[in-house]
Amino acid sequence: MFAVRSYHVTTPNLVLTVSCPSTRGIVAAISGYLADRGCNIVDSSQFDDTETGKFFMRISFVSEAGVPASEISARFADVASEYSMEYAFHNSENRMKVLLMVSRFGHCLNDLLYRWRIGALPIDIVGVVSNHLDYQRVVVNHDIPFHHIKVTKENKADAEAKMLEIVEQTGAELVVLARYMQVLSDQLCVKMSGRIINIHHSFLPSFKGANPYKQAYERGVKLIGATAHYVTADLDEGPIIEQDTVRITHAQSPEDYVSLGRDVESQVLARAIHAHIHHRTFVNGNKTVVFPASPGSFASERMG
């Protein structure tokens, strides 16, 4: 017979994220540190980028010995210093505060609100910012603060200042551009680097402008896709987090293109947010490292 080990978890699941120069002994140092403090590793992912010489790791663990999370994180500084680590400890029970921004295309906003309402996207939506009033009632009906900030060429700087003020007042840790159709300034992109996610169709740079799906139809495109990425000063060229495509045929209409495009945009954006809030994404130069989710989590579902 096999003995079954049981234990009582006295602290919630914690997540440790690490990035540092690649060298021998990192994994042993981290796992040894956690083991010495009575911690049990639940899930671990790592990646050694031989091109950049950087190492990335995400570990989910629990304390079997009841060591407070604050003590576990405080004493890790010595290990981090030895390997020049950038690191952070995250409590899995703490929901990330997210600010959504939208203009006049509401499919991504509505999808995120639905996922949030049913618990499929475990975040705290601290507000919705829009340069139009189209979705004010929808947002307010969800008991979420709605902020209308009109944007013109003349007031763009003031509008961004108001948006930043909302970020600071709400404590938003992530800003999601759910089809927010205004270009953010370089200064804002730098200030909030790694904290803004955008979604757009994947026709760029081929089909630009207000009606890319019509252009795609006229050119007989056979794949429609979407890209979610971190926002940088280079428009629509930030590190990619998530992408997907859907196949189409010659028999489908321009309206079909639009409908399918909306679906894939909504799914890709939701998956990108899910990866970010669970600390599975790491910016690696112009790219990202995105660790897969554990079996049974959001990423293993085929959303439809």
C-alpha atoms as a PDB file:
ATOM      1  CA  MET A   1       0.000   0.000   0.000  1.00  0.00           C
ATOM      2  CA  PHE A   2       1.073   3.558  -0.641  1.00  0.00           C
ATOM      3  CA  ALA A   3       0.985   6.172   2.076  1.00  0.00           C
ATOM      4  CA  VAL A   4      -0.918   9.279   1.081  1.00  0.00           C
ATOM      5  CA  ARG A   5       0.598  12.481   2.375  1.00  0.00           C
ATOM      6  CA  SER A   6      -1.916  15.089   3.451  1.00  0.00           C
ATOM      7  CA  TYR A   7      -1.398  18.587   4.736  1.00  0.00           C
ATOM      8  CA  HIS A   8      -3.336  21.649   5.692  1.00  0.00           C
ATOM      9  CA  VAL A   9      -2.574  24.729   3.639  1.00  0.00           C
ATOM     10  CA  THR A  10      -2.278  27.655   6.012  1.00  0.00           C
ATOM     11  CA  THR A  11      -1.413  30.213   3.360  1.00  0.00           C
ATOM     12  CA  PRO A  12      -2.942  30.788  -0.076  1.00  0.00           C
ATOM     13  CA  ASN A  13      -1.217  29.812  -3.289  1.00  0.00           C
ATOM     14  CA  LEU A  14       1.646  32.175  -3.989  1.00  0.00           C
ATOM     15  CA  VAL A  15       3.326  32.828  -7.310  1.00  0.00           C
ATOM     16  CA  LEU A  16       6.962  33.785  -7.736  1.00  0.00           C
ATOM     17  CA  THR A  17       8.053  35.281 -11.053  1.00  0.00           C
ATOM     18  CA  VAL A  18      11.732  35.629 -11.871  1.00  0.00           C
ATOM     19  CA  SER A  19      13.801  36.970 -14.761  1.00  0.00           C
ATOM     20  CA  CYS A  20      17.569  37.230 -14.700  1.00  0.00           C
ATOM     21  CA  PRO A  21      20.748  36.525 -16.659  1.00  0.00           C
ATOM     22  CA  SER A  22      21.012  32.830 -17.424  1.00  0.00           C
ATOM     23  CA  THR A  23      23.511  30.898 -15.335  1.00  0.00           C
ATOM     24  CA  ARG A  24      23.901  27.574 -13.589  1.00  0.00           C
ATOM     25  CA  GLY A  25      22.143  26.966 -10.259  1.00  0.00           C
ATOM     26  CA  ILE A  26      19.128  29.270 -10.475  1.00  0.00           C
ATOM     27  CA  VAL A  27      16.476  26.563 -10.263  1.00  0.00           C
ATOM     28  CA  ALA A  28      18.278  24.798  -7.429  1.00  0.00           C
ATOM     29  CA  ALA A  29      18.652  28.030  -5.490  1.00  0.00           C
ATOM     30  CA  ILE A  30      14.956  28.923  -5.809  1.00  0.00           C
ATOM     31  CA  SER A  31      13.585  25.448  -5.085  1.00  0.00           C
ATOM     32  CA  GLY A  32      16.012  24.986  -2.191  1.00  0.00           C
ATOM     33  CA  TYR A  33      15.005  28.315  -0.690  1.00  0.00           C
ATOM     34  CA  LEU A  34      11.309  27.405  -0.832  1.00  0.00           C
ATOM     35  CA  ALA A  35      11.881  23.883   0.508  1.00  0.00           C
ATOM     36  CA  ASP A  36      13.876  25.225   3.471  1.00  0.00           C
ATOM     37  CA  ARG A  37      10.845  27.313   4.428  1.00  0.00           C
ATOM     38  CA  GLY A  38       8.377  24.463   4.271  1.00  0.00           C
ATOM     39  CA  CYS A  39       6.940  25.350   0.892  1.00  0.00           C
ATOM     40  CA  ASN A  40       5.590  22.852  -1.619  1.00  0.00           C
ATOM     41  CA  ILE A  41       5.860  23.690  -5.319  1.00  0.00           C
ATOM     42  CA  VAL A  42       2.533  23.158  -7.079  1.00  0.00           C
ATOM     43  CA  ASP A  43       3.471  24.230 -10.605  1.00  0.00           C
ATOM     44  CA  SER A  44       6.685  25.390 -12.246  1.00  0.00           C
ATOM     45  CA  SER A  45       7.590  26.708 -15.705  1.00  0.00           C
ATOM     46  CA  GLN A  46      10.927  27.999 -16.964  1.00  0.00           C
ATOM     47  CA  PHE A  47      12.580  29.162 -20.159  1.00  0.00           C
ATOM     48  CA  ASP A  48      16.226  29.794 -20.961  1.00  0.00           C
ATOM     49  CA  ASP A  49      16.576  32.121 -23.959  1.00  0.00           C
ATOM     50  CA  THR A  50      19.903  31.271 -25.555  1.00  0.00           C
ATOM     51  CA  GLU A  51      19.667  34.257 -27.919  1.00  0.00           C
ATOM     52  CA  THR A  52      19.320  36.929 -25.252  1.00  0.00           C
ATOM     53  CA  GLY A  53      21.013  35.070 -22.392  1.00  0.00           C
ATOM     54  CA  LYS A  54      17.987  35.622 -20.154  1.00  0.00           C
ATOM     55  CA  PHE A  55      16.230  33.165 -17.889  1.00  0.00           C
ATOM     56  CA  PHE A  56      12.528  33.280 -17.002  1.00  0.00           C
ATOM     57  CA  MET A  57      10.659  31.307 -14.367  1.00  0.00           C
ATOM     58  CA  ARG A  58       7.205  31.141 -12.797  1.00  0.00           C
ATOM     59  CA  ILE A  59       6.589  29.023  -9.701  1.00  0.00           C
ATOM     60  CA  SER A  60       3.280  28.463  -7.916  1.00  0.00           C
ATOM     61  CA  PHE A  61       3.638  27.164  -4.362  1.00  0.00           C
ATOM     62  CA  VAL A  62       2.006  26.841  -0.951  1.00  0.00           C
ATOM     63  CA  SER A  63       3.471  26.946   2.536  1.00  0.00           C
ATOM     64  CA  GLU A  64       2.952  23.680   4.386  1.00  0.00           C
ATOM     65  CA  ALA A  65       4.800  25.025   7.429  1.00  0.00           C
ATOM     66  CA  GLY A  66       2.615  28.095   7.795  1.00  0.00           C
ATOM     67  CA  VAL A  67       5.421  30.566   7.119  1.00  0.00           C
ATOM     68  CA  PRO A  68       3.812  33.978   6.410  1.00  0.00           C
ATOM     69  CA  ALA A  69       4.012  35.151   2.823  1.00  0.00           C
ATOM     70  CA  SER A  70       5.670  38.369   3.939  1.00  0.00           C
ATOM     71  CA  GLU A  71       8.498  36.436   5.555  1.00  0.00           C
ATOM     72  CA  ILE A  72       8.989  34.176   2.541  1.00  0.00           C
ATOM     73  CA  SER A  73       9.260  37.159   0.201  1.00  0.00           C
ATOM     74  CA  ALA A  74      11.395  39.312   2.490  1.00  0.00           C
ATOM     75  CA  ARG A  75      14.152  36.757   2.919  1.00  0.00           C
ATOM     76  CA  PHE A  76      14.338  35.996  -0.803  1.00  0.00           C
ATOM     77  CA  ALA A  77      16.299  39.192  -1.451  1.00  0.00           C
ATOM     78  CA  ASP A  78      19.630  37.495  -0.727  1.00  0.00           C
ATOM     79  CA  VAL A  79      18.996  34.796  -3.353  1.00  0.00           C
ATOM     80  CA  ALA A  80      17.817  37.394  -5.838  1.00  0.00           C
ATOM     81  CA  SER A  81      20.892  39.530  -5.297  1.00  0.00           C
ATOM     82  CA  GLU A  82      23.254  36.621  -5.945  1.00  0.00           C
ATOM     83  CA  TYR A  83      21.703  35.973  -9.380  1.00  0.00           C
ATOM     84  CA  SER A  84      20.767  39.582 -10.292  1.00  0.00           C
ATOM     85  CA  MET A  85      17.087  38.661 -10.378  1.00  0.00           C
ATOM     86  CA  GLU A  86      14.105  40.817 -11.105  1.00  0.00           C
ATOM     87  CA  TYR A  87      11.394  39.099  -9.115  1.00  0.00           C
ATOM     88  CA  ALA A  88       7.971  39.477  -7.565  1.00  0.00           C
ATOM     89  CA  PHE A  89       5.740  37.476  -5.230  1.00  0.00           C
ATOM     90  CA  HIS A  90       2.024  37.432  -5.953  1.00  0.00           C
ATOM     91  CA  ASN A  91      -0.881  36.232  -3.845  1.00  0.00           C
ATOM     92  CA  SER A  92      -3.199  34.232  -6.108  1.00  0.00           C
ATOM     93  CA  GLU A  93      -6.221  35.320  -4.055  1.00  0.00           C
ATOM     94  CA  ASN A  94      -5.668  38.991  -4.888  1.00  0.00           C
ATOM     95  CA  ARG A  95      -7.594  39.995  -7.991  1.00  0.00           C
ATOM     96  CA  MET A  96      -5.803  42.401 -10.305  1.00  0.00           C
ATOM     97  CA  LYS A  97      -7.420  45.818 -10.700  1.00  0.00           C
ATOM     98  CA  VAL A  98      -8.182  46.457 -14.365  1.00  0.00           C
ATOM     99  CA  LEU A  99      -9.317  49.595 -16.175  1.00  0.00           C
ATOM    100  CA  LEU A 100     -11.076  49.040 -19.518  1.00  0.00           C
ATOM    101  CA  MET A 101     -11.110  51.565 -22.360  1.00  0.00           C
ATOM    102  CA  VAL A 102     -13.455  51.474 -25.350  1.00  0.00           C
ATOM    103  CA  SER A 103     -14.669  53.649 -28.203  1.00  0.00           C
ATOM    104  CA  ARG A 104     -17.579  52.618 -30.432  1.00  0.00           C
ATOM    105  CA  PHE A 105     -16.917  48.929 -31.145  1.00  0.00           C
ATOM    106  CA  GLY A 106     -18.340  47.147 -28.113  1.00  0.00           C
ATOM    107  CA  HIS A 107     -17.809  43.439 -28.819  1.00  0.00           C
ATOM    108  CA  CYS A 108     -14.645  43.114 -26.733  1.00  0.00           C
ATOM    109  CA  LEU A 109     -16.079  45.183 -23.877  1.00  0.00           C
ATOM    110  CA  ASN A 110     -19.291  43.150 -23.758  1.00  0.00           C
ATOM    111  CA  ASP A 111     -17.349  39.894 -23.892  1.00  0.00           C
ATOM    112  CA  LEU A 112     -15.068  40.925 -21.025  1.00  0.00           C
ATOM    113  CA  LEU A 113     -18.007  42.091 -18.914  1.00  0.00           C
ATOM    114  CA  TYR A 114     -19.717  38.735 -19.439  1.00  0.00           C
ATOM    115  CA  ARG A 115     -16.612  36.712 -18.556  1.00  0.00           C
ATOM    116  CA  TRP A 116     -16.073  38.908 -15.501  1.00  0.00           C
ATOM    117  CA  ARG A 117     -19.693  38.519 -14.397  1.00  0.00           C
ATOM    118  CA  ILE A 118     -19.663  34.698 -14.569  1.00  0.00           C
ATOM    119  CA  GLY A 119     -16.247  34.428 -12.920  1.00  0.00           C
ATOM    120  CA  ALA A 120     -14.359  33.197 -15.996  1.00  0.00           C
ATOM    121  CA  LEU A 121     -12.092  36.239 -15.826  1.00  0.00           C
ATOM    122  CA  PRO A 122     -11.117  36.787 -12.176  1.00  0.00           C
ATOM    123  CA  ILE A 123     -10.360  40.510 -12.145  1.00  0.00           C
ATOM    124  CA  ASP A 124     -11.663  43.620 -10.430  1.00  0.00           C
ATOM    125  CA  ILE A 125     -12.909  46.029 -13.099  1.00  0.00           C
ATOM    126  CA  VAL A 126     -12.343  49.386 -11.441  1.00  0.00           C
ATOM    127  CA  GLY A 127     -13.824  51.450 -14.252  1.00  0.00           C
ATOM    128  CA  VAL A 128     -14.461  51.922 -17.950  1.00  0.00           C
ATOM    129  CA  VAL A 129     -13.121  54.919 -19.860  1.00  0.00           C
ATOM    130  CA  SER A 130     -14.571  55.938 -23.207  1.00  0.00           C
ATOM    131  CA  ASN A 131     -14.332  58.869 -25.584  1.00  0.00           C
ATOM    132  CA  HIS A 132     -18.000  58.263 -26.461  1.00  0.00           C
ATOM    133  CA  LEU A 133     -21.204  57.671 -24.497  1.00  0.00           C
ATOM    134  CA  ASP A 134     -22.407  54.603 -26.419  1.00  0.00           C
ATOM    135  CA  TYR A 135     -21.759  52.103 -23.607  1.00  0.00           C
ATOM    136  CA  GLN A 136     -22.442  54.247 -20.568  1.00  0.00           C
ATOM    137  CA  ARG A 137     -25.711  52.501 -19.718  1.00  0.00           C
ATOM    138  CA  VAL A 138     -24.230  49.012 -20.214  1.00  0.00           C
ATOM    139  CA  VAL A 139     -21.338  49.788 -17.885  1.00  0.00           C
ATOM    140  CA  VAL A 140     -23.430  51.514 -15.224  1.00  0.00           C
ATOM    141  CA  ASN A 141     -25.887  48.601 -15.243  1.00  0.00           C
ATOM    142  CA  HIS A 142     -22.953  46.413 -14.193  1.00  0.00           C
ATOM    143  CA  ASP A 143     -22.336  48.754 -11.227  1.00  0.00           C
ATOM    144  CA  ILE A 144     -18.992  49.791 -12.708  1.00  0.00           C
ATOM    145  CA  PRO A 145     -17.901  53.460 -12.797  1.00  0.00           C
ATOM    146  CA  PHE A 146     -18.067  54.964 -16.297  1.00  0.00           C
ATOM    147  CA  HIS A 147     -15.765  57.837 -17.247  1.00  0.00           C
ATOM    148  CA  HIS A 148     -16.464  59.837 -20.389  1.00  0.00           C
ATOM    149  CA  ILE A 149     -13.329  61.601 -21.607  1.00  0.00           C
ATOM    150  CA  LYS A 150     -13.848  63.284 -24.945  1.00  0.00           C
ATOM    151  CA  VAL A 151     -10.713  63.345 -27.089  1.00  0.00           C
ATOM    152  CA  THR A 152      -9.906  65.906 -29.778  1.00  0.00           C
ATOM    153  CA  LYS A 153      -6.674  67.053 -31.387  1.00  0.00           C
ATOM    154  CA  GLU A 154      -6.776  70.129 -29.170  1.00  0.00           C
ATOM    155  CA  ASN A 155      -7.332  68.406 -25.809  1.00  0.00           C
ATOM    156  CA  LYS A 156      -5.440  65.111 -26.272  1.00  0.00           C
ATOM    157  CA  ALA A 157      -2.831  65.907 -23.612  1.00  0.00           C
ATOM    158  CA  ASP A 158      -5.494  66.904 -21.088  1.00  0.00           C
ATOM    159  CA  ALA A 159      -7.525  63.787 -21.894  1.00  0.00           C
ATOM    160  CA  GLU A 160      -4.531  61.539 -21.225  1.00  0.00           C
ATOM    161  CA  ALA A 161      -3.853  63.375 -17.979  1.00  0.00           C
ATOM    162  CA  LYS A 162      -7.433  62.658 -16.881  1.00  0.00           C
ATOM    163  CA  MET A 163      -7.031  59.015 -17.813  1.00  0.00           C
ATOM    164  CA  LEU A 164      -3.826  58.752 -15.791  1.00  0.00           C
ATOM    165  CA  GLU A 165      -5.590  60.399 -12.873  1.00  0.00           C
ATOM    166  CA  ILE A 166      -8.255  57.670 -13.012  1.00  0.00           C
ATOM    167  CA  VAL A 167      -5.531  55.004 -13.124  1.00  0.00           C
ATOM    168  CA  GLU A 168      -3.937  56.436 -10.001  1.00  0.00           C
ATOM    169  CA  GLN A 169      -7.215  56.992  -8.128  1.00  0.00           C
ATOM    170  CA  THR A 170      -8.490  53.471  -8.806  1.00  0.00           C
ATOM    171  CA  GLY A 171      -5.139  51.764  -8.300  1.00  0.00           C
ATOM    172  CA  ALA A 172      -5.487  50.112 -11.713  1.00  0.00           C
ATOM    173  CA  GLU A 173      -2.660  47.664 -12.315  1.00  0.00           C
ATOM    174  CA  LEU A 174      -3.598  46.957 -15.930  1.00  0.00           C
ATOM    175  CA  VAL A 175      -5.242  49.023 -18.671  1.00  0.00           C
ATOM    176  CA  VAL A 176      -7.037  47.146 -21.455  1.00  0.00           C
ATOM    177  CA  LEU A 177      -7.757  48.862 -24.755  1.00  0.00           C
ATOM    178  CA  ALA A 178     -10.917  46.951 -25.683  1.00  0.00           C
ATOM    179  CA  ARG A 179     -11.097  48.544 -29.138  1.00  0.00           C
ATOM    180  CA  TYR A 180     -10.219  52.014 -27.885  1.00  0.00           C
ATOM    181  CA  MET A 181      -9.592  53.859 -31.143  1.00  0.00           C
ATOM    182  CA  GLN A 182      -7.243  56.593 -29.978  1.00  0.00           C
ATOM    183  CA  VAL A 183      -3.461  56.532 -30.337  1.00  0.00           C
ATOM    184  CA  LEU A 184      -1.723  56.935 -26.983  1.00  0.00           C
ATOM    185  CA  SER A 185       1.230  59.293 -26.671  1.00  0.00           C
ATOM    186  CA  ASP A 186       4.799  57.996 -26.526  1.00  0.00           C
ATOM    187  CA  GLN A 187       5.143  59.419 -23.016  1.00  0.00           C
ATOM    188  CA  LEU A 188       2.124  57.489 -21.754  1.00  0.00           C
ATOM    189  CA  CYS A 189       3.294  54.261 -23.400  1.00  0.00           C
ATOM    190  CA  VAL A 190       6.685  54.547 -21.709  1.00  0.00           C
ATOM    191  CA  LYS A 191       5.188  55.482 -18.341  1.00  0.00           C
ATOM    192  CA  MET A 192       2.886  52.444 -18.348  1.00  0.00           C
ATOM    193  CA  SER A 193       5.166  49.999 -20.149  1.00  0.00           C
ATOM    194  CA  GLY A 194       4.002  46.415 -19.680  1.00  0.00           C
ATOM    195  CA  ARG A 195       0.709  47.553 -18.156  1.00  0.00           C
ATOM    196  CA  ILE A 196      -1.402  48.275 -21.256  1.00  0.00           C
ATOM    197  CA  ILE A 197      -2.813  45.553 -23.520  1.00  0.00           C
ATOM    198  CA  ASN A 198      -4.304  46.283 -26.938  1.00  0.00           C
ATOM    199  CA  ILE A 199      -6.262  44.145 -29.418  1.00  0.00           C
ATOM    200  CA  HIS A 200      -6.543  44.526 -33.177  1.00  0.00           C
ATOM    201  CA  HIS A 201      -7.097  42.474 -36.307  1.00  0.00           C
ATOM    202  CA  SER A 202      -4.045  40.761 -37.776  1.00  0.00           C
ATOM    203  CA  PHE A 203      -4.272  42.263 -41.262  1.00  0.00           C
ATOM    204  CA  LEU A 204      -1.728  44.942 -40.440  1.00  0.00           C
ATOM    205  CA  PRO A 205       0.213  46.328 -42.165  1.00  0.00           C
ATOM    206  CA  SER A 206      -1.602  45.202 -45.333  1.00  0.00           C
ATOM    207  CA  PHE A 207      -5.091  46.566 -44.708  1.00  0.00           C
ATOM    208  CA  LYS A 208      -5.155  49.843 -42.834  1.00  0.00           C
ATOM    209  CA  GLY A 209      -7.959  52.294 -42.240  1.00  0.00           C
ATOM    210  CA  ALA A 210     -11.501  52.206 -40.963  1.00  0.00           C
ATOM    211  CA  ASN A 211     -12.773  49.170 -42.886  1.00  0.00           C
ATOM    212  CA  PRO A 212     -10.037  46.501 -43.041  1.00  0.00           C
ATOM    213  CA  TYR A 213     -12.486  43.594 -43.283  1.00  0.00           C
ATOM    214  CA  LYS A 214     -13.978  45.013 -46.485  1.00  0.00           C
ATOM    215  CA  GLN A 215     -10.474  45.315 -47.904  1.00  0.00           C
ATOM    216  CA  ALA A 216      -9.753  41.726 -46.876  1.00  0.00           C
ATOM    217  CA  TYR A 217     -12.949  40.543 -48.572  1.00  0.00           C
ATOM    218  CA  GLU A 218     -12.062  42.338 -51.778  1.00  0.00           C
ATOM    219  CA  ARG A 219      -8.635  40.653 -51.773  1.00  0.00           C
ATOM    220  CA  GLY A 220     -10.034  37.182 -51.077  1.00  0.00           C
ATOM    221  CA  VAL A 221      -8.284  36.675 -47.751  1.00  0.00           C
ATOM    222  CA  LYS A 222      -8.685  33.122 -46.433  1.00  0.00           C
ATOM    223  CA  LEU A 223      -7.674  33.651 -42.809  1.00  0.00           C
ATOM    224  CA  ILE A 224      -8.967  36.224 -40.326  1.00  0.00           C
ATOM    225  CA  GLY A 225      -6.910  36.742 -37.198  1.00  0.00           C
ATOM    226  CA  ALA A 226      -6.430  38.898 -34.142  1.00  0.00           C
ATOM    227  CA  THR A 227      -3.402  39.983 -32.127  1.00  0.00           C
ATOM    228  CA  ALA A 228      -3.204  41.067 -28.486  1.00  0.00           C
ATOM    229  CA  HIS A 229      -0.015  42.822 -27.483  1.00  0.00           C
ATOM    230  CA  TYR A 230       1.531  45.165 -24.967  1.00  0.00           C
ATOM    231  CA  VAL A 231       1.334  48.788 -26.029  1.00  0.00           C
ATOM    232  CA  THR A 232       4.568  50.579 -26.879  1.00  0.00           C
ATOM    233  CA  ALA A 233       5.458  53.836 -28.591  1.00  0.00           C
ATOM    234  CA  ASP A 234       5.631  51.897 -31.876  1.00  0.00           C
ATOM    235  CA  LEU A 235       1.989  51.787 -32.955  1.00  0.00           C
ATOM    236  CA  ASP A 236       0.563  48.237 -32.998  1.00  0.00           C
ATOM    237  CA  GLU A 237       4.072  46.755 -32.837  1.00  0.00           C
ATOM    238  CA  GLY A 238       4.413  45.929 -29.138  1.00  0.00           C
ATOM    239  CA  PRO A 239       5.397  42.489 -27.792  1.00  0.00           C
ATOM    240  CA  ILE A 240       2.724  39.975 -28.805  1.00  0.00           C
ATOM    241  CA  ILE A 241       0.934  38.072 -26.031  1.00  0.00           C
ATOM    242  CA  GLU A 242      -1.706  36.062 -27.875  1.00  0.00           C
ATOM    243  CA  GLN A 243      -2.929  35.444 -31.435  1.00  0.00           C
ATOM    244  CA  ASP A 244      -5.478  33.283 -33.204  1.00  0.00           C
ATOM    245  CA  THR A 245      -7.051  32.817 -36.624  1.00  0.00           C
ATOM    246  CA  VAL A 246     -10.268  31.521 -38.149  1.00  0.00           C
ATOM    247  CA  ARG A 247     -10.548  30.130 -41.693  1.00  0.00           C
ATOM    248  CA  ILE A 248     -13.035  31.581 -44.164  1.00  0.00           C
ATOM    249  CA  THR A 249     -14.130  30.727 -47.697  1.00  0.00           C
ATOM    250  CA  HIS A 250     -15.069  32.453 -50.937  1.00  0.00           C
ATOM    251  CA  ALA A 251     -18.752  31.889 -50.087  1.00  0.00           C
ATOM    252  CA  GLN A 252     -18.731  34.219 -47.098  1.00  0.00           C
ATOM    253  CA  SER A 253     -19.759  37.860 -47.230  1.00  0.00           C
ATOM    254  CA  PRO A 254     -18.073  41.015 -45.917  1.00  0.00           C
ATOM    255  CA  GLU A 255     -20.545  40.901 -43.023  1.00  0.00           C
ATOM    256  CA  ASP A 256     -19.333  37.363 -42.210  1.00  0.00           C
ATOM    257  CA  TYR A 257     -15.768  38.650 -42.154  1.00  0.00           C
ATOM    258  CA  VAL A 258     -16.726  41.307 -39.632  1.00  0.00           C
ATOM    259  CA  SER A 259     -18.662  38.879 -37.438  1.00  0.00           C
ATOM    260  CA  LEU A 260     -15.886  36.295 -37.377  1.00  0.00           C
ATOM    261  CA  GLY A 261     -13.339  39.044 -36.763  1.00  0.00           C
ATOM    262  CA  ARG A 262     -15.240  40.267 -33.727  1.00  0.00           C
ATOM    263  CA  ASP A 263     -15.371  36.748 -32.286  1.00  0.00           C
ATOM    264  CA  VAL A 264     -11.670  36.055 -32.668  1.00  0.00           C
ATOM    265  CA  GLU A 265     -10.714  39.501 -31.331  1.00  0.00           C
ATOM    266  CA  SER A 266     -12.820  38.936 -28.213  1.00  0.00           C
ATOM    267  CA  GLN A 267     -11.337  35.505 -27.545  1.00  0.00           C
ATOM    268  CA  VAL A 268      -7.740  36.549 -28.101  1.00  0.00           C
ATOM    269  CA  LEU A 269      -8.057  39.598 -25.863  1.00  0.00           C
ATOM    270  CA  ALA A 270      -9.625  37.571 -23.048  1.00  0.00           C
ATOM    271  CA  ARG A 271      -6.855  34.963 -23.242  1.00  0.00           C
ATOM    272  CA  ALA A 272      -4.159  37.643 -23.198  1.00  0.00           C
ATOM    273  CA  ILE A 273      -5.676  39.272 -20.117  1.00  0.00           C
ATOM    274  CA  HIS A 274      -5.982  35.904 -18.407  1.00  0.00           C
ATOM    275  CA  ALA A 275      -2.288  35.181 -19.016  1.00  0.00           C
ATOM    276  CA  HIS A 276      -1.252  38.598 -17.706  1.00  0.00           C
ATOM    277  CA  ILE A 277      -3.318  38.575 -14.528  1.00  0.00           C
ATOM    278  CA  HIS A 278      -1.942  35.147 -13.625  1.00  0.00           C
ATOM    279  CA  HIS A 279       1.616  36.403 -14.111  1.00  0.00           C
ATOM    280  CA  ARG A 280       2.375  34.044 -16.972  1.00  0.00           C
ATOM    281  CA  THR A 281       3.747  36.740 -19.298  1.00  0.00           C
ATOM    282  CA  PHE A 282       7.255  38.166 -19.414  1.00  0.00           C
ATOM    283  CA  VAL A 283       8.440  40.880 -21.782  1.00  0.00           C
ATOM    284  CA  ASN A 284      11.610  39.673 -23.516  1.00  0.00           C
ATOM    285  CA  GLY A 285      12.844  42.519 -25.686  1.00  0.00           C
ATOM    286  CA  ASN A 286      10.480  42.833 -28.640  1.00  0.00           C
ATOM    287  CA  LYS A 287       8.855  39.490 -27.800  1.00  0.00           C
ATOM    288  CA  THR A 288       7.167  37.860 -24.841  1.00  0.00           C
ATOM    289  CA  VAL A 289       7.583  34.651 -22.934  1.00  0.00           C
ATOM    290  CA  VAL A 290       4.111  33.287 -22.145  1.00  0.00           C
ATOM    291  CA  PHE A 291       3.991  30.198 -19.971  1.00  0.00           C
ATOM    292  CA  PRO A 292       1.029  27.856 -20.558  1.00  0.00           C
ATOM    293  CA  ALA A 293      -1.713  27.614 -17.986  1.00  0.00           C
ATOM    294  CA  SER A 294      -2.176  24.528 -15.842  1.00  0.00           C
ATOM    295  CA  PRO A 295      -4.575  21.825 -17.077  1.00  0.00           C
ATOM    296  CA  GLY A 296      -8.202  22.671 -16.364  1.00  0.00           C
ATOM    297  CA  SER A 297      -7.640  26.440 -16.385  1.00  0.00           C
ATOM    298  CA  PHE A 298      -8.957  29.078 -18.771  1.00  0.00           C
ATOM    299  CA  ALA A 299      -6.374  28.470 -21.488  1.00  0.00           C
ATOM    300  CA  SER A 300      -7.324  24.820 -21.835  1.00  0.00           C
ATOM    301  CA  GLU A 301     -10.907  25.746 -22.720  1.00  0.00           C
ATOM    302  CA  ARG A 302     -11.958  26.204 -26.311  1.00  0.00           C
ATOM    303  CA  MET A 303     -14.070  29.302 -26.111  1.00  0.00           C
ATOM    304  CA  GLY A 304     -16.959  29.703 -28.463  1.00  0.00           C
END
